[in-house]
């Protein structure tokens, strides 16, 4: 059983996989100060409830955009699961060909690898997390580029914390664009606005890719379903794209070392 750990700015996702099957997936809030012991105390009882045993873990791989938590996760892998982890971009390359001055975030590279393996190429990959990202993949599997914008929840939280009178809201698609109260108006601007920005960015991305309008679009991340339910520009929502990608990278690494 493989433990695939995805560290985002908001949450850490611990995914347990047997082949392609995700046996369990658990979230923790990303805490820069959390110790390996604290992570284990939260994770192990939930694993037990799901019928998963720490002793069955035969490998651990980590993708993180928060370097500060990697030492604690390495200790967690060693002390709780008895494994020396692979860390994407540290001791293993995700294997995504591209030319750029900066490295692509580990989570985005892993999602791109997984999406191409599952859905072919060329391809557009969307990820709805703390940030919303758009990534374009060429017919030869190389990375063409992408864009980053503030995530839906990040934007609404900024409104709540940065204003004196606007309320915090549930992220739901509004019944109307012409809201008569603050909650509906914020939902229209943030949730429906995210749908609109997705459609525009996908359209412009496809134009620049040059493969025509029929390029497949795959979305992942916590709010992907919310957006996809209100637009035709997203073809597939895959909740476990990064876990699948981490498994691919882990298995490739093992074969290369055999």
Protein backbone atom coordinates (compact mmCIF):
# COMPACT_ATOMS: atom_id res chain seq x y z
CA UNK A 1 0.00 0.00 0.00
CA UNK A 2 1.40 3.38 -1.04
CA UNK A 3 0.99 6.54 1.03
CA UNK A 4 0.87 9.57 -1.29
CA UNK A 5 1.08 12.91 0.54
CA UNK A 6 0.05 16.14 -1.17
CA UNK A 7 0.95 19.28 0.78
CA UNK A 8 -0.92 22.42 -0.24
CA UNK A 9 -0.97 25.85 1.34
CA UNK A 10 -4.30 25.12 3.03
CA UNK A 11 -4.47 21.35 3.51
CA UNK A 12 -2.32 18.23 3.57
CA UNK A 13 -3.95 15.23 1.88
CA UNK A 14 -2.86 11.73 2.86
CA UNK A 15 -3.95 9.26 0.18
CA UNK A 16 -3.59 5.49 0.59
CA UNK A 17 -3.47 3.56 -2.68
CA UNK A 18 -3.38 -0.05 -3.78
CA UNK A 19 -2.65 0.11 -7.49
CA UNK A 20 -5.13 2.56 -9.04
CA UNK A 21 -7.58 2.23 -6.16
CA UNK A 22 -7.69 4.94 -3.50
CA UNK A 23 -8.43 3.05 -0.27
CA UNK A 24 -8.69 6.16 1.86
CA UNK A 25 -7.98 9.89 1.74
CA UNK A 26 -7.64 12.12 4.78
CA UNK A 27 -7.09 15.87 5.17
CA UNK A 28 -5.24 17.88 7.77
CA UNK A 29 -4.90 21.64 7.94
CA UNK A 30 -1.42 22.67 6.80
CA UNK A 31 0.31 23.75 10.00
CA UNK A 32 3.91 24.91 9.63
CA UNK A 33 4.57 24.10 13.29
CA UNK A 34 2.95 20.64 13.40
CA UNK A 35 5.18 17.81 14.58
CA UNK A 36 5.29 14.30 13.16
CA UNK A 37 3.75 13.06 16.40
CA UNK A 38 0.83 15.48 16.16
CA UNK A 39 0.21 14.46 12.54
CA UNK A 40 0.25 10.78 13.51
CA UNK A 41 -2.12 11.32 16.45
CA UNK A 42 -4.64 12.85 14.06
CA UNK A 43 -4.11 10.45 11.16
CA UNK A 44 -3.87 7.01 12.79
CA UNK A 45 -7.34 6.92 14.40
CA UNK A 46 -8.94 7.88 11.09
CA UNK A 47 -6.96 5.20 9.31
CA UNK A 48 -8.13 2.66 11.87
CA UNK A 49 -11.77 3.66 11.35
CA UNK A 50 -11.28 3.09 7.61
CA UNK A 51 -9.68 -0.32 8.16
CA UNK A 52 -6.20 0.81 7.11
CA UNK A 53 -3.10 -0.33 8.96
CA UNK A 54 0.14 1.64 9.18
CA UNK A 55 2.00 -1.66 8.96
CA UNK A 56 0.65 -2.26 5.45
CA UNK A 57 2.33 0.85 4.02
CA UNK A 58 5.21 -0.22 1.75
CA UNK A 59 6.17 3.18 0.35
CA UNK A 60 5.70 6.92 0.86
CA UNK A 61 5.96 9.76 -1.66
CA UNK A 62 5.49 13.47 -0.97
CA UNK A 63 4.69 16.47 -3.18
CA UNK A 64 4.77 19.76 -1.31
CA UNK A 65 4.49 23.47 -2.04
CA UNK A 66 5.27 24.21 1.63
CA UNK A 67 8.93 23.35 2.30
CA UNK A 68 8.59 24.04 6.03
CA UNK A 69 6.50 20.91 6.67
CA UNK A 70 8.68 18.45 4.76
CA UNK A 71 10.99 17.60 7.73
CA UNK A 72 8.00 16.63 9.90
CA UNK A 73 6.52 14.55 7.08
CA UNK A 74 9.82 12.74 6.56
CA UNK A 75 9.89 11.92 10.26
CA UNK A 76 6.26 10.76 10.07
CA UNK A 77 7.16 8.43 7.19
CA UNK A 78 10.10 6.96 9.08
CA UNK A 79 8.69 6.72 12.60
CA UNK A 80 5.04 5.85 11.90
CA UNK A 81 5.24 3.92 8.64
CA UNK A 82 8.81 2.64 8.66
CA UNK A 83 9.59 4.11 5.22
CA UNK A 84 12.15 6.49 3.74
CA UNK A 85 9.98 8.81 1.60
CA UNK A 86 10.53 10.03 -1.91
CA UNK A 87 10.08 13.79 -2.22
CA UNK A 88 9.17 15.25 -5.60
CA UNK A 89 11.76 17.80 -6.77
CA UNK A 90 14.11 16.79 -3.94
CA UNK A 91 15.20 13.22 -4.66
CA UNK A 92 12.89 12.42 -7.55
CA UNK A 93 12.04 14.37 -10.73
CA UNK A 94 8.36 14.35 -11.73
CA UNK A 95 9.39 13.89 -15.36
CA UNK A 96 7.45 16.72 -16.99
CA UNK A 97 9.38 18.21 -19.95
CA UNK A 98 9.35 22.00 -20.12
CA UNK A 99 11.60 24.97 -20.63
CA UNK A 100 11.28 27.81 -18.13
CA UNK A 101 13.38 29.95 -15.80
CA UNK A 102 11.47 28.69 -12.75
CA UNK A 103 10.49 25.18 -11.75
CA UNK A 104 6.80 24.35 -11.87
CA UNK A 105 5.24 23.67 -8.47
CA UNK A 106 5.48 19.99 -7.52
CA UNK A 107 1.71 19.61 -7.17
CA UNK A 108 1.05 21.05 -10.63
CA UNK A 109 3.73 18.90 -12.27
CA UNK A 110 2.33 15.76 -10.66
CA UNK A 111 -1.24 16.59 -11.73
CA UNK A 112 -0.08 17.18 -15.29
CA UNK A 113 1.73 13.83 -15.41
CA UNK A 114 -1.34 12.04 -14.08
CA UNK A 115 -3.79 13.81 -16.38
CA UNK A 116 -1.82 12.94 -19.52
CA UNK A 117 -1.52 9.30 -18.47
CA UNK A 118 -5.26 9.01 -17.81
CA UNK A 119 -6.77 11.28 -20.45
CA UNK A 120 -4.23 11.73 -23.25
CA UNK A 121 -2.81 14.88 -24.78
CA UNK A 122 -2.91 17.72 -25.70
CA UNK A 123 -4.71 18.72 -22.53
CA UNK A 124 -5.69 21.57 -20.23
CA UNK A 125 -5.47 20.89 -16.49
CA UNK A 126 -7.27 23.05 -13.91
CA UNK A 127 -6.67 22.85 -10.16
CA UNK A 128 -9.03 24.61 -7.73
CA UNK A 129 -7.22 25.03 -4.43
CA UNK A 130 -5.80 27.91 -2.41
CA UNK A 131 -4.90 29.21 -5.85
CA UNK A 132 -6.65 28.29 -9.07
CA UNK A 133 -4.17 27.17 -11.71
CA UNK A 134 -4.44 26.53 -15.44
CA UNK A 135 -1.81 24.37 -17.16
CA UNK A 136 -1.49 23.62 -20.88
CA UNK A 137 0.13 20.41 -22.17
CA UNK A 138 1.25 19.90 -25.75
CA UNK A 139 0.59 16.93 -28.00
CA UNK A 140 4.14 15.70 -27.35
CA UNK A 141 3.61 15.84 -23.57
CA UNK A 142 5.66 18.96 -22.92
CA UNK A 143 4.51 21.80 -20.70
CA UNK A 144 3.46 24.89 -22.64
CA UNK A 145 2.66 27.26 -19.78
CA UNK A 146 -0.24 28.34 -17.62
CA UNK A 147 -1.63 30.93 -15.26
CA UNK A 148 -2.39 31.41 -11.57
CA UNK A 149 -5.21 33.33 -9.93
CA UNK A 150 -6.50 33.57 -6.38
CA UNK A 151 -8.64 30.60 -5.40
CA UNK A 152 -12.38 31.03 -4.83
CA UNK A 153 -12.16 30.62 -1.06
CA UNK A 154 -9.03 32.74 -0.89
CA UNK A 155 -10.85 35.58 -2.64
CA UNK A 156 -13.95 35.44 -0.46
CA UNK A 157 -11.84 35.23 2.71
CA UNK A 158 -10.00 38.36 1.60
CA UNK A 159 -13.33 40.17 1.28
CA UNK A 160 -14.38 39.07 4.77
CA UNK A 161 -11.10 39.97 6.46
CA UNK A 162 -10.46 43.15 4.47
CA UNK A 163 -13.84 44.84 4.88
CA UNK A 164 -15.82 45.99 7.90
CA UNK A 165 -19.34 44.96 6.89
CA UNK A 166 -19.22 42.15 4.33
CA UNK A 167 -20.11 38.71 5.79
CA UNK A 168 -18.39 35.36 5.44
CA UNK A 169 -20.38 33.13 3.07
CA UNK A 170 -20.93 29.53 2.07
CA UNK A 171 -19.52 28.84 -1.38
CA UNK A 172 -22.65 28.10 -3.37
CA UNK A 173 -23.81 29.07 -6.83
CA UNK A 174 -26.34 31.92 -6.41
CA UNK A 175 -29.97 31.76 -7.57
CA UNK A 176 -29.53 35.07 -9.41
CA UNK A 177 -26.78 37.40 -10.57
CA UNK A 178 -28.85 40.36 -9.35
CA UNK A 179 -28.58 39.73 -5.63
CA UNK A 180 -30.59 41.85 -3.21
CA UNK A 181 -28.44 40.99 -0.18
CA UNK A 182 -24.71 40.87 0.51
CA UNK A 183 -24.48 37.06 0.67
CA UNK A 184 -26.08 36.51 -2.74
CA UNK A 185 -24.06 39.31 -4.28
CA UNK A 186 -20.78 37.88 -2.99
CA UNK A 187 -21.76 34.41 -4.20
CA UNK A 188 -22.53 35.84 -7.62
CA UNK A 189 -19.21 37.66 -7.76
CA UNK A 190 -17.04 34.88 -6.36
CA UNK A 191 -18.62 31.58 -7.43
CA UNK A 192 -20.29 32.65 -10.67
CA UNK A 193 -17.27 34.90 -11.30
CA UNK A 194 -15.03 31.82 -10.99
CA UNK A 195 -17.14 30.07 -13.62
CA UNK A 196 -16.78 33.05 -15.93
CA UNK A 197 -13.04 33.37 -15.41
CA UNK A 198 -12.63 29.63 -16.01
CA UNK A 199 -14.48 29.85 -19.33
CA UNK A 200 -12.43 32.84 -20.48
CA UNK A 201 -9.07 31.40 -19.43
CA UNK A 202 -9.81 28.01 -20.97
CA UNK A 203 -10.89 29.63 -24.24
CA UNK A 204 -7.79 31.82 -24.44
CA UNK A 205 -5.55 28.90 -23.42
CA UNK A 206 -6.92 26.71 -26.20
CA UNK A 207 -6.45 29.53 -28.71
CA UNK A 208 -2.79 29.90 -27.76
CA UNK A 209 -2.20 26.14 -27.74
CA UNK A 210 -3.22 25.99 -31.40
CA UNK A 211 -4.92 22.60 -31.40
CA UNK A 212 -8.47 23.88 -31.82
CA UNK A 213 -11.42 24.09 -29.43
CA UNK A 214 -11.76 20.35 -28.80
CA UNK A 215 -8.78 20.00 -26.46
CA UNK A 216 -9.93 18.08 -23.38
CA UNK A 217 -10.11 19.95 -20.06
CA UNK A 218 -9.57 18.09 -16.78
CA UNK A 219 -10.20 19.69 -13.38
CA UNK A 220 -9.22 18.68 -9.87
CA UNK A 221 -9.12 20.26 -6.41
CA UNK A 222 -11.63 20.83 -3.66
CA UNK A 223 -13.90 23.23 -5.54
CA UNK A 224 -13.69 21.69 -9.02
CA UNK A 225 -17.18 20.15 -8.81
CA UNK A 226 -18.72 23.50 -7.82
CA UNK A 227 -17.38 25.19 -10.96
CA UNK A 228 -17.83 22.22 -13.31
CA UNK A 229 -21.54 21.96 -12.45
CA UNK A 230 -22.14 25.34 -14.09
CA UNK A 231 -20.01 25.26 -17.23
CA UNK A 232 -19.58 23.08 -20.28
CA UNK A 233 -15.89 23.92 -20.69
CA UNK A 234 -14.75 21.30 -18.15
CA UNK A 235 -14.90 17.77 -19.53
CA UNK A 236 -13.74 15.72 -16.53
CA UNK A 237 -13.45 16.25 -12.78
CA UNK A 238 -10.93 13.90 -11.12
CA UNK A 239 -10.81 14.12 -7.32
CA UNK A 240 -7.71 11.96 -6.96
CA UNK A 241 -5.55 13.20 -9.81
CA UNK A 242 -2.52 14.06 -7.69
CA UNK A 243 -2.61 10.77 -5.77
CA UNK A 244 -2.66 8.90 -9.07
CA UNK A 245 0.24 10.99 -10.35
CA UNK A 246 2.29 10.37 -7.23
CA UNK A 247 1.75 6.63 -7.65
CA UNK A 248 2.95 6.82 -11.27
CA UNK A 249 6.09 8.71 -10.26
CA UNK A 250 6.78 6.33 -7.36
CA UNK A 251 6.45 3.25 -9.56
CA UNK A 252 8.63 4.77 -12.28
CA UNK A 253 11.31 5.59 -9.74
CA UNK A 254 11.26 2.04 -8.37
CA UNK A 255 11.62 0.53 -11.84
CA UNK A 256 14.54 2.83 -12.64
CA UNK A 257 16.33 1.66 -9.49
CA UNK A 258 15.76 -2.08 -10.11
